[in-house]
Amino acid sequence: MFDIAKECGVKNIVYVSSVASLDFTKLLANVDNGYNKDRRNWYYNSKNDSDKLAFELGKKYDIRTVLVLPSAMIGSIAFKLSYSNNLVLQVLNGEIPVDTNVTLN
């Protein structure tokens, strides 16, 4: 993607990743806390590694790269709920109590 972007003269890339890339041993999860250090989970690893690679390639190709780290993608049409989206639905339906000390943003 970065190779083609550079070739086409793209100046900015917004890379959508996940809050899972952040170290959330301290809440609220914040970029200032650094990356998730738990390397046992493939999902965390993929987010950590791809975020770092996006920044490296942005620097290499002189493309301004901004990361967006949502905790859940929620839209107007959801055909199948992810774990995160189902959690939100359960809270809205009063099926589970709300724990405000979570990393969902």
PDB file of N, CA and C in Angstrom:
ATOM      1  N   MET A   1       0.823  -1.186   0.000  1.00  0.00           N
ATOM      2  CA  MET A   1       0.000   0.000   0.000  1.00  0.00           C
ATOM      3  C   MET A   1       0.875   1.261   0.000  1.00  0.00           C
ATOM      4  N   PHE A   2       1.904   1.262   0.833  1.00  0.00           N
ATOM      5  CA  PHE A   2       2.775   2.438   0.906  1.00  0.00           C
ATOM      6  C   PHE A   2       3.570   2.624  -0.385  1.00  0.00           C
ATOM      7  N   ASP A   3       3.990   1.522  -1.004  1.00  0.00           N
ATOM      8  CA  ASP A   3       4.714   1.633  -2.283  1.00  0.00           C
ATOM      9  C   ASP A   3       3.853   2.338  -3.322  1.00  0.00           C
ATOM     10  N   ILE A   4       2.621   1.887  -3.462  1.00  0.00           N
ATOM     11  CA  ILE A   4       1.708   2.471  -4.451  1.00  0.00           C
ATOM     12  C   ILE A   4       1.359   3.906  -4.077  1.00  0.00           C
ATOM     13  N   ALA A   5       1.147   4.148  -2.772  1.00  0.00           N
ATOM     14  CA  ALA A   5       0.823   5.509  -2.319  1.00  0.00           C
ATOM     15  C   ALA A   5       1.936   6.479  -2.693  1.00  0.00           C
ATOM     16  N   LYS A   6       3.180   6.085  -2.474  1.00  0.00           N
ATOM     17  CA  LYS A   6       4.317   6.948  -2.817  1.00  0.00           C
ATOM     18  C   LYS A   6       4.359   7.189  -4.324  1.00  0.00           C
ATOM     19  N   GLU A   7       4.160   6.118  -5.084  1.00  0.00           N
ATOM     20  CA  GLU A   7       4.186   6.218  -6.545  1.00  0.00           C
ATOM     21  C   GLU A   7       3.103   7.164  -7.064  1.00  0.00           C
ATOM     22  N   CYS A   8       1.958   7.195  -6.371  1.00  0.00           N
ATOM     23  CA  CYS A   8       0.834   8.036  -6.803  1.00  0.00           C
ATOM     24  C   CYS A   8       0.865   9.433  -6.195  1.00  0.00           C
ATOM     25  N   GLY A   9       1.860   9.717  -5.372  1.00  0.00           N
ATOM     26  CA  GLY A   9       1.982  11.050  -4.789  1.00  0.00           C
ATOM     27  C   GLY A   9       1.115  11.295  -3.575  1.00  0.00           C
ATOM     28  N   VAL A  10       0.660  10.230  -2.933  1.00  0.00           N
ATOM     29  CA  VAL A  10      -0.151  10.370  -1.718  1.00  0.00           C
ATOM     30  C   VAL A  10       0.708  10.982  -0.619  1.00  0.00           C
ATOM     31  N   LYS A  11       0.154  11.949   0.098  1.00  0.00           N
ATOM     32  CA  LYS A  11       0.899  12.644   1.148  1.00  0.00           C
ATOM     33  C   LYS A  11       0.496  12.217   2.560  1.00  0.00           C
ATOM     34  N   ASN A  12      -0.721  11.641   2.696  1.00  0.00           N
ATOM     35  CA  ASN A  12      -1.243  11.282   4.015  1.00  0.00           C
ATOM     36  C   ASN A  12      -1.922   9.915   3.959  1.00  0.00           C
ATOM     37  N   ILE A  13      -1.714   9.122   5.005  1.00  0.00           N
ATOM     38  CA  ILE A  13      -2.402   7.841   5.153  1.00  0.00           C
ATOM     39  C   ILE A  13      -2.981   7.780   6.553  1.00  0.00           C
ATOM     40  N   VAL A  14      -4.247   7.389   6.649  1.00  0.00           N
ATOM     41  CA  VAL A  14      -4.884   7.105   7.937  1.00  0.00           C
ATOM     42  C   VAL A  14      -4.970   5.592   8.047  1.00  0.00           C
ATOM     43  N   TYR A  15      -4.275   5.045   9.010  1.00  0.00           N
ATOM     44  CA  TYR A  15      -4.206   3.600   9.214  1.00  0.00           C
ATOM     45  C   TYR A  15      -5.102   3.239  10.395  1.00  0.00           C
ATOM     46  N   VAL A  16      -6.114   2.403  10.163  1.00  0.00           N
ATOM     47  CA  VAL A  16      -7.042   2.000  11.229  1.00  0.00           C
ATOM     48  C   VAL A  16      -6.564   0.675  11.798  1.00  0.00           C
ATOM     49  N   SER A  17      -6.321   0.670  13.083  1.00  0.00           N
ATOM     50  CA  SER A  17      -5.799  -0.514  13.761  1.00  0.00           C
ATOM     51  C   SER A  17      -6.753  -0.899  14.890  1.00  0.00           C
ATOM     52  N   SER A  18      -6.260  -0.938  16.114  1.00  0.00           N
ATOM     53  CA  SER A  18      -7.086  -1.348  17.250  1.00  0.00           C
ATOM     54  C   SER A  18      -6.476  -0.867  18.557  1.00  0.00           C
ATOM     55  N   VAL A  19      -7.334  -0.605  19.518  1.00  0.00           N
ATOM     56  CA  VAL A  19      -6.872  -0.249  20.850  1.00  0.00           C
ATOM     57  C   VAL A  19      -6.077  -1.408  21.463  1.00  0.00           C
ATOM     58  N   ALA A  20      -6.238  -2.606  20.912  1.00  0.00           N
ATOM     59  CA  ALA A  20      -5.510  -3.778  21.412  1.00  0.00           C
ATOM     60  C   ALA A  20      -4.001  -3.625  21.258  1.00  0.00           C
ATOM     61  N   SER A  21      -3.561  -2.710  20.404  1.00  0.00           N
ATOM     62  CA  SER A  21      -2.119  -2.516  20.241  1.00  0.00           C
ATOM     63  C   SER A  21      -1.509  -1.772  21.427  1.00  0.00           C
ATOM     64  N   LEU A  22      -2.343  -1.141  22.235  1.00  0.00           N
ATOM     65  CA  LEU A  22      -1.841  -0.354  23.366  1.00  0.00           C
ATOM     66  C   LEU A  22      -1.670  -1.196  24.620  1.00  0.00           C
ATOM     67  N   ASP A  23      -0.755  -0.771  25.473  1.00  0.00           N
ATOM     68  CA  ASP A  23      -0.576  -1.396  26.779  1.00  0.00           C
ATOM     69  C   ASP A  23      -1.727  -0.943  27.665  1.00  0.00           C
ATOM     70  N   PHE A  24      -2.665  -1.859  27.905  1.00  0.00           N
ATOM     71  CA  PHE A  24      -3.820  -1.479  28.714  1.00  0.00           C
ATOM     72  C   PHE A  24      -3.750  -2.081  30.117  1.00  0.00           C
ATOM     73  N   THR A  25      -2.502  -2.323  30.605  1.00  0.00           N
ATOM     74  CA  THR A  25      -2.356  -2.722  32.000  1.00  0.00           C
ATOM     75  C   THR A  25      -2.622  -1.532  32.909  1.00  0.00           C
ATOM     76  N   LYS A  26      -2.510  -0.322  32.334  1.00  0.00           N
ATOM     77  CA  LYS A  26      -2.888   0.899  33.051  1.00  0.00           C
ATOM     78  C   LYS A  26      -4.087   1.474  32.317  1.00  0.00           C
ATOM     79  N   LEU A  27      -5.169   1.699  33.036  1.00  0.00           N
ATOM     80  CA  LEU A  27      -6.354   2.268  32.401  1.00  0.00           C
ATOM     81  C   LEU A  27      -6.417   3.746  32.735  1.00  0.00           C
ATOM     82  N   LEU A  28      -6.882   4.514  31.905  1.00  0.00           N
ATOM     83  CA  LEU A  28      -7.406   4.272  30.576  1.00  0.00           C
ATOM     84  C   LEU A  28      -6.270   3.951  29.625  1.00  0.00           C
ATOM     85  N   ALA A  29      -6.559   3.077  28.647  1.00  0.00           N
ATOM     86  CA  ALA A  29      -5.564   2.766  27.627  1.00  0.00           C
ATOM     87  C   ALA A  29      -5.203   4.064  26.914  1.00  0.00           C
ATOM     88  N   ASN A  30      -3.933   4.318  26.819  1.00  0.00           N
ATOM     89  CA  ASN A  30      -3.473   5.590  26.274  1.00  0.00           C
ATOM     90  C   ASN A  30      -2.181   5.363  25.515  1.00  0.00           C
ATOM     91  N   VAL A  31      -1.995   6.053  24.422  1.00  0.00           N
ATOM     92  CA  VAL A  31      -0.785   5.907  23.615  1.00  0.00           C
ATOM     93  C   VAL A  31       0.467   6.212  24.436  1.00  0.00           C
ATOM     94  N   ASP A  32       0.355   7.062  25.461  1.00  0.00           N
ATOM     95  CA  ASP A  32       1.501   7.396  26.297  1.00  0.00           C
ATOM     96  C   ASP A  32       1.983   6.208  27.133  1.00  0.00           C
ATOM     97  N   ASN A  33       1.113   5.185  27.313  1.00  0.00           N
ATOM     98  CA  ASN A  33       1.501   3.986  28.064  1.00  0.00           C
ATOM     99  C   ASN A  33       2.335   3.029  27.224  1.00  0.00           C
ATOM    100  N   GLY A  34       2.426   3.266  25.923  1.00  0.00           N
ATOM    101  CA  GLY A  34       3.214   2.404  25.046  1.00  0.00           C
ATOM    102  C   GLY A  34       2.390   1.270  24.458  1.00  0.00           C
ATOM    103  N   TYR A  35       3.097   0.361  23.790  1.00  0.00           N
ATOM    104  CA  TYR A  35       2.449  -0.767  23.126  1.00  0.00           C
ATOM    105  C   TYR A  35       2.187  -1.917  24.080  1.00  0.00           C
ATOM    106  N   ASN A  36       1.261  -2.768  23.697  1.00  0.00           N
ATOM    107  CA  ASN A  36       0.919  -3.961  24.463  1.00  0.00           C
ATOM    108  C   ASN A  36       2.137  -4.880  24.502  1.00  0.00           C
ATOM    109  N   LYS A  37       2.580  -5.200  25.700  1.00  0.00           N
ATOM    110  CA  LYS A  37       3.782  -6.015  25.862  1.00  0.00           C
ATOM    111  C   LYS A  37       3.480  -7.510  25.913  1.00  0.00           C
ATOM    112  N   ASP A  38       2.211  -7.873  25.933  1.00  0.00           N
ATOM    113  CA  ASP A  38       1.811  -9.282  25.994  1.00  0.00           C
ATOM    114  C   ASP A  38       1.970  -9.903  24.603  1.00  0.00           C
ATOM    115  N   ARG A  39       3.079 -10.595  24.366  1.00  0.00           N
ATOM    116  CA  ARG A  39       3.380 -11.157  23.047  1.00  0.00           C
ATOM    117  C   ARG A  39       2.832 -12.580  22.890  1.00  0.00           C
ATOM    118  N   ARG A  40       2.001 -13.053  23.835  1.00  0.00           N
ATOM    119  CA  ARG A  40       1.443 -14.405  23.733  1.00  0.00           C
ATOM    120  C   ARG A  40       0.239 -14.476  22.812  1.00  0.00           C
ATOM    121  N   ASN A  41      -0.332 -13.336  22.475  1.00  0.00           N
ATOM    122  CA  ASN A  41      -1.581 -13.305  21.719  1.00  0.00           C
ATOM    123  C   ASN A  41      -1.313 -12.864  20.291  1.00  0.00           C
ATOM    124  N   TRP A  42      -1.699 -13.660  19.291  1.00  0.00           N
ATOM    125  CA  TRP A  42      -1.425 -13.340  17.880  1.00  0.00           C
ATOM    126  C   TRP A  42      -2.101 -12.050  17.452  1.00  0.00           C
ATOM    127  N   TYR A  43      -3.302 -11.765  17.998  1.00  0.00           N
ATOM    128  CA  TYR A  43      -4.013 -10.550  17.612  1.00  0.00           C
ATOM    129  C   TYR A  43      -3.247  -9.309  18.072  1.00  0.00           C
ATOM    130  N   TYR A  44      -2.826  -9.313  19.340  1.00  0.00           N
ATOM    131  CA  TYR A  44      -2.030  -8.188  19.850  1.00  0.00           C
ATOM    132  C   TYR A  44      -0.746  -8.040  19.037  1.00  0.00           C
ATOM    133  N   ASN A  45      -0.096  -9.170  18.763  1.00  0.00           N
ATOM    134  CA  ASN A  45       1.152  -9.130  17.990  1.00  0.00           C
ATOM    135  C   ASN A  45       0.929  -8.500  16.625  1.00  0.00           C
ATOM    136  N   SER A  46      -0.141  -8.906  15.945  1.00  0.00           N
ATOM    137  CA  SER A  46      -0.388  -8.372  14.601  1.00  0.00           C
ATOM    138  C   SER A  46      -0.643  -6.871  14.653  1.00  0.00           C
ATOM    139  N   LYS A  47      -1.353  -6.410  15.671  1.00  0.00           N
ATOM    140  CA  LYS A  47      -1.628  -4.977  15.799  1.00  0.00           C
ATOM    141  C   LYS A  47      -0.357  -4.206  16.141  1.00  0.00           C
ATOM    142  N   ASN A  48       0.415  -4.708  17.101  1.00  0.00           N
ATOM    143  CA  ASN A  48       1.676  -4.045  17.462  1.00  0.00           C
ATOM    144  C   ASN A  48       2.594  -3.943  16.252  1.00  0.00           C
ATOM    145  N   ASP A  49       2.783  -5.071  15.580  1.00  0.00           N
ATOM    146  CA  ASP A  49       3.739  -5.120  14.477  1.00  0.00           C
ATOM    147  C   ASP A  49       3.277  -4.280  13.287  1.00  0.00           C
ATOM    148  N   SER A  50       1.991  -4.332  12.957  1.00  0.00           N
ATOM    149  CA  SER A  50       1.514  -3.571  11.796  1.00  0.00           C
ATOM    150  C   SER A  50       1.511  -2.066  12.083  1.00  0.00           C
ATOM    151  N   ASP A  51       1.214  -1.674  13.311  1.00  0.00           N
ATOM    152  CA  ASP A  51       1.277  -0.251  13.668  1.00  0.00           C
ATOM    153  C   ASP A  51       2.697   0.286  13.499  1.00  0.00           C
ATOM    154  N   LYS A  52       3.644  -0.443  14.047  1.00  0.00           N
ATOM    155  CA  LYS A  52       5.047  -0.019  13.949  1.00  0.00           C
ATOM    156  C   LYS A  52       5.500   0.021  12.495  1.00  0.00           C
ATOM    157  N   LEU A  53       5.096  -0.985  11.707  1.00  0.00           N
ATOM    158  CA  LEU A  53       5.469  -1.017  10.295  1.00  0.00           C
ATOM    159  C   LEU A  53       4.862   0.160   9.536  1.00  0.00           C
ATOM    160  N   ALA A  54       3.619   0.495   9.845  1.00  0.00           N
ATOM    161  CA  ALA A  54       2.981   1.640   9.179  1.00  0.00           C
ATOM    162  C   ALA A  54       3.773   2.921   9.445  1.00  0.00           C
ATOM    163  N   PHE A  55       4.181   3.133  10.679  1.00  0.00           N
ATOM    164  CA  PHE A  55       4.980   4.324  10.999  1.00  0.00           C
ATOM    165  C   PHE A  55       6.338   4.296  10.295  1.00  0.00           C
ATOM    166  N   GLU A  56       6.983   3.117  10.268  1.00  0.00           N
ATOM    167  CA  GLU A  56       8.283   2.997   9.609  1.00  0.00           C
ATOM    168  C   GLU A  56       8.175   3.300   8.113  1.00  0.00           C
ATOM    169  N   LEU A  57       7.150   2.745   7.458  1.00  0.00           N
ATOM    170  CA  LEU A  57       6.982   2.972   6.027  1.00  0.00           C
ATOM    171  C   LEU A  57       6.593   4.417   5.728  1.00  0.00           C
ATOM    172  N   GLY A  58       5.778   4.994   6.610  1.00  0.00           N
ATOM    173  CA  GLY A  58       5.438   6.402   6.439  1.00  0.00           C
ATOM    174  C   GLY A  58       6.677   7.276   6.478  1.00  0.00           C
ATOM    175  N   LYS A  59       7.560   6.984   7.412  1.00  0.00           N
ATOM    176  CA  LYS A  59       8.804   7.746   7.517  1.00  0.00           C
ATOM    177  C   LYS A  59       9.697   7.494   6.299  1.00  0.00           C
ATOM    178  N   LYS A  60       9.811   6.237   5.889  1.00  0.00           N
ATOM    179  CA  LYS A  60      10.644   5.871   4.743  1.00  0.00           C
ATOM    180  C   LYS A  60      10.208   6.595   3.470  1.00  0.00           C
ATOM    181  N   TYR A  61       8.893   6.659   3.244  1.00  0.00           N
ATOM    182  CA  TYR A  61       8.362   7.250   2.017  1.00  0.00           C
ATOM    183  C   TYR A  61       7.933   8.704   2.168  1.00  0.00           C
ATOM    184  N   ASP A  62       8.188   9.275   3.346  1.00  0.00           N
ATOM    185  CA  ASP A  62       7.805  10.659   3.623  1.00  0.00           C
ATOM    186  C   ASP A  62       6.298  10.871   3.412  1.00  0.00           C
ATOM    187  N   ILE A  63       5.521   9.942   3.970  1.00  0.00           N
ATOM    188  CA  ILE A  63       4.061  10.031   3.941  1.00  0.00           C
ATOM    189  C   ILE A  63       3.587  10.197   5.376  1.00  0.00           C
ATOM    190  N   ARG A  64       2.873  11.284   5.635  1.00  0.00           N
ATOM    191  CA  ARG A  64       2.326  11.509   6.987  1.00  0.00           C
ATOM    192  C   ARG A  64       1.369  10.371   7.299  1.00  0.00           C
ATOM    193  N   THR A  65       1.631   9.651   8.397  1.00  0.00           N
ATOM    194  CA  THR A  65       0.837   8.476   8.756  1.00  0.00           C
ATOM    195  C   THR A  65       0.209   8.691  10.126  1.00  0.00           C
ATOM    196  N   VAL A  66      -1.109   8.572  10.172  1.00  0.00           N
ATOM    197  CA  VAL A  66      -1.865   8.741  11.401  1.00  0.00           C
ATOM    198  C   VAL A  66      -2.560   7.421  11.716  1.00  0.00           C
ATOM    199  N   LEU A  67      -2.430   6.960  12.954  1.00  0.00           N
ATOM    200  CA  LEU A  67      -3.116   5.742  13.371  1.00  0.00           C
ATOM    201  C   LEU A  67      -4.381   6.095  14.132  1.00  0.00           C
ATOM    202  N   VAL A  68      -5.444   5.365  13.828  1.00  0.00           N
ATOM    203  CA  VAL A  68      -6.705   5.463  14.567  1.00  0.00           C
ATOM    204  C   VAL A  68      -6.881   4.121  15.258  1.00  0.00           C
ATOM    205  N   LEU A  69      -7.097   4.147  16.573  1.00  0.00           N
ATOM    206  CA  LEU A  69      -7.134   2.913  17.359  1.00  0.00           C
ATOM    207  C   LEU A  69      -8.488   2.725  18.048  1.00  0.00           C
ATOM    208  N   PRO A  70      -9.520   2.378  17.299  1.00  0.00           N
ATOM    209  CA  PRO A  70     -10.832   2.174  17.933  1.00  0.00           C
ATOM    210  C   PRO A  70     -10.860   0.866  18.718  1.00  0.00           C
ATOM    211  N   SER A  71     -11.753   0.795  19.689  1.00  0.00           N
ATOM    212  CA  SER A  71     -11.925  -0.452  20.428  1.00  0.00           C
ATOM    213  C   SER A  71     -13.020  -1.301  19.806  1.00  0.00           C
ATOM    214  N   ALA A  72     -13.916  -0.689  19.066  1.00  0.00           N
ATOM    215  CA  ALA A  72     -14.983  -1.441  18.397  1.00  0.00           C
ATOM    216  C   ALA A  72     -15.454  -0.637  17.208  1.00  0.00           C
ATOM    217  N   MET A  73     -15.729  -1.328  16.127  1.00  0.00           N
ATOM    218  CA  MET A  73     -16.262  -0.678  14.932  1.00  0.00           C
ATOM    219  C   MET A  73     -17.767  -0.924  14.945  1.00  0.00           C
ATOM    220  N   ILE A  74     -18.527   0.140  15.053  1.00  0.00           N
ATOM    221  CA  ILE A  74     -19.982   0.023  15.131  1.00  0.00           C
ATOM    222  C   ILE A  74     -20.587   0.900  14.047  1.00  0.00           C
ATOM    223  N   GLY A  75     -21.401   0.308  13.202  1.00  0.00           N
ATOM    224  CA  GLY A  75     -22.013   1.056  12.117  1.00  0.00           C
ATOM    225  C   GLY A  75     -23.517   0.877  12.111  1.00  0.00           C
ATOM    226  N   SER A  76     -24.161   1.465  11.132  1.00  0.00           N
ATOM    227  CA  SER A  76     -25.626   1.417  11.070  1.00  0.00           C
ATOM    228  C   SER A  76     -26.144   0.042  10.651  1.00  0.00           C
ATOM    229  N   ILE A  77     -25.314  -0.731   9.973  1.00  0.00           N
ATOM    230  CA  ILE A  77     -25.731  -2.063   9.539  1.00  0.00           C
ATOM    231  C   ILE A  77     -24.698  -3.068  10.025  1.00  0.00           C
ATOM    232  N   ALA A  78     -25.116  -3.967  10.902  1.00  0.00           N
ATOM    233  CA  ALA A  78     -24.224  -5.015  11.403  1.00  0.00           C
ATOM    234  C   ALA A  78     -24.881  -6.363  11.142  1.00  0.00           C
ATOM    235  N   PHE A  79     -24.302  -7.108  10.226  1.00  0.00           N
ATOM    236  CA  PHE A  79     -24.882  -8.402   9.878  1.00  0.00           C
ATOM    237  C   PHE A  79     -24.524  -9.472  10.895  1.00  0.00           C
ATOM    238  N   LYS A  80     -23.335  -9.368  11.453  1.00  0.00           N
ATOM    239  CA  LYS A  80     -22.901 -10.302  12.484  1.00  0.00           C
ATOM    240  C   LYS A  80     -22.140  -9.493  13.527  1.00  0.00           C
ATOM    241  N   LEU A  81     -22.549  -9.605  14.764  1.00  0.00           N
ATOM    242  CA  LEU A  81     -21.906  -8.826  15.814  1.00  0.00           C
ATOM    243  C   LEU A  81     -20.590  -9.464  16.233  1.00  0.00           C
ATOM    244  N   SER A  82     -19.565  -8.635  16.348  1.00  0.00           N
ATOM    245  CA  SER A  82     -18.291  -9.100  16.898  1.00  0.00           C
ATOM    246  C   SER A  82     -18.453  -9.235  18.409  1.00  0.00           C
ATOM    247  N   TYR A  83     -17.445  -9.771  19.050  1.00  0.00           N
ATOM    248  CA  TYR A  83     -17.484  -9.884  20.506  1.00  0.00           C
ATOM    249  C   TYR A  83     -17.697  -8.512  21.146  1.00  0.00           C
ATOM    250  N   SER A  84     -16.943  -7.516  20.677  1.00  0.00           N
ATOM    251  CA  SER A  84     -17.044  -6.165  21.247  1.00  0.00           C
ATOM    252  C   SER A  84     -18.422  -5.567  21.015  1.00  0.00           C
ATOM    253  N   ASN A  85     -18.941  -5.712  19.790  1.00  0.00           N
ATOM    254  CA  ASN A  85     -20.266  -5.154  19.487  1.00  0.00           C
ATOM    255  C   ASN A  85     -21.362  -5.854  20.272  1.00  0.00           C
ATOM    256  N   ASN A  86     -21.238  -7.159  20.443  1.00  0.00           N
ATOM    257  CA  ASN A  86     -22.232  -7.892  21.219  1.00  0.00           C
ATOM    258  C   ASN A  86     -22.204  -7.457  22.682  1.00  0.00           C
ATOM    259  N   LEU A  87     -21.042  -7.154  23.194  1.00  0.00           N
ATOM    260  CA  LEU A  87     -20.916  -6.653  24.562  1.00  0.00           C
ATOM    261  C   LEU A  87     -21.683  -5.343  24.722  1.00  0.00           C
ATOM    262  N   VAL A  88     -21.526  -4.442  23.762  1.00  0.00           N
ATOM    263  CA  VAL A  88     -22.252  -3.167  23.795  1.00  0.00           C
ATOM    264  C   VAL A  88     -23.761  -3.420  23.739  1.00  0.00           C
ATOM    265  N   LEU A  89     -24.202  -4.320  22.869  1.00  0.00           N
ATOM    266  CA  LEU A  89     -25.623  -4.642  22.760  1.00  0.00           C
ATOM    267  C   LEU A  89     -26.165  -5.212  24.078  1.00  0.00           C
ATOM    268  N   GLN A  90     -25.402  -6.083  24.722  1.00  0.00           N
ATOM    269  CA  GLN A  90     -25.832  -6.650  26.003  1.00  0.00           C
ATOM    270  C   GLN A  90     -25.966  -5.563  27.072  1.00  0.00           C
ATOM    271  N   VAL A  91     -25.056  -4.606  27.084  1.00  0.00           N
ATOM    272  CA  VAL A  91     -25.159  -3.498  28.039  1.00  0.00           C
ATOM    273  C   VAL A  91     -26.410  -2.681  27.738  1.00  0.00           C
ATOM    274  N   LEU A  92     -26.629  -2.357  26.457  1.00  0.00           N
ATOM    275  CA  LEU A  92     -27.806  -1.557  26.072  1.00  0.00           C
ATOM    276  C   LEU A  92     -29.115  -2.257  26.409  1.00  0.00           C
ATOM    277  N   ASN A  93     -29.118  -3.583  26.300  1.00  0.00           N
ATOM    278  CA  ASN A  93     -30.335  -4.357  26.602  1.00  0.00           C
ATOM    279  C   ASN A  93     -30.481  -4.656  28.083  1.00  0.00           C
ATOM    280  N   GLY A  94     -29.544  -4.186  28.917  1.00  0.00           N
ATOM    281  CA  GLY A  94     -29.618  -4.425  30.354  1.00  0.00           C
ATOM    282  C   GLY A  94     -29.327  -5.859  30.743  1.00  0.00           C
ATOM    283  N   GLU A  95     -28.681  -6.619  29.860  1.00  0.00           N
ATOM    284  CA  GLU A  95     -28.392  -8.027  30.135  1.00  0.00           C
ATOM    285  C   GLU A  95     -27.180  -8.216  31.039  1.00  0.00           C
ATOM    286  N   ILE A  96     -26.277  -7.240  31.047  1.00  0.00           N
ATOM    287  CA  ILE A  96     -25.114  -7.307  31.921  1.00  0.00           C
ATOM    288  C   ILE A  96     -24.908  -5.932  32.546  1.00  0.00           C
ATOM    289  N   PRO A  97     -24.364  -5.907  33.761  1.00  0.00           N
ATOM    290  CA  PRO A  97     -24.094  -4.608  34.380  1.00  0.00           C
ATOM    291  C   PRO A  97     -22.950  -3.918  33.650  1.00  0.00           C
ATOM    292  N   VAL A  98     -22.906  -2.627  33.742  1.00  0.00           N
ATOM    293  CA  VAL A  98     -21.871  -1.846  33.071  1.00  0.00           C
ATOM    294  C   VAL A  98     -20.657  -1.733  33.977  1.00  0.00           C
ATOM    295  N   ASP A  99     -19.501  -2.082  33.448  1.00  0.00           N
ATOM    296  CA  ASP A  99     -18.229  -1.910  34.135  1.00  0.00           C
ATOM    297  C   ASP A  99     -17.524  -0.753  33.447  1.00  0.00           C
ATOM    298  N   THR A 100     -17.441   0.378  34.096  1.00  0.00           N
ATOM    299  CA  THR A 100     -16.852   1.561  33.450  1.00  0.00           C
ATOM    300  C   THR A 100     -15.334   1.528  33.438  1.00  0.00           C
ATOM    301  N   ASN A 101     -14.721   0.512  34.008  1.00  0.00           N
ATOM    302  CA  ASN A 101     -13.270   0.409  34.044  1.00  0.00           C
ATOM    303  C   ASN A 101     -12.776  -0.532  32.948  1.00  0.00           C
ATOM    304  N   VAL A 102     -13.251  -0.300  31.707  1.00  0.00           N
ATOM    305  CA  VAL A 102     -12.848  -1.109  30.572  1.00  0.00           C
ATOM    306  C   VAL A 102     -12.191  -0.222  29.529  1.00  0.00           C
ATOM    307  N   THR A 103     -11.567  -0.850  28.523  1.00  0.00           N
ATOM    308  CA  THR A 103     -10.835  -0.092  27.529  1.00  0.00           C
ATOM    309  C   THR A 103     -11.667   0.266  26.308  1.00  0.00           C
ATOM    310  N   LEU A 104     -12.958  -0.053  26.276  1.00  0.00           N
ATOM    311  CA  LEU A 104     -13.787   0.350  25.150  1.00  0.00           C
ATOM    312  C   LEU A 104     -13.851   1.864  25.112  1.00  0.00           C
ATOM    313  N   ASN A 105     -13.588   2.431  23.928  1.00  0.00           N
ATOM    314  CA  ASN A 105     -13.655   3.889  23.816  1.00  0.00           C
ATOM    315  C   ASN A 105     -14.774   4.292  22.868  1.00  0.00           C
TER     316      ASN A 105
END
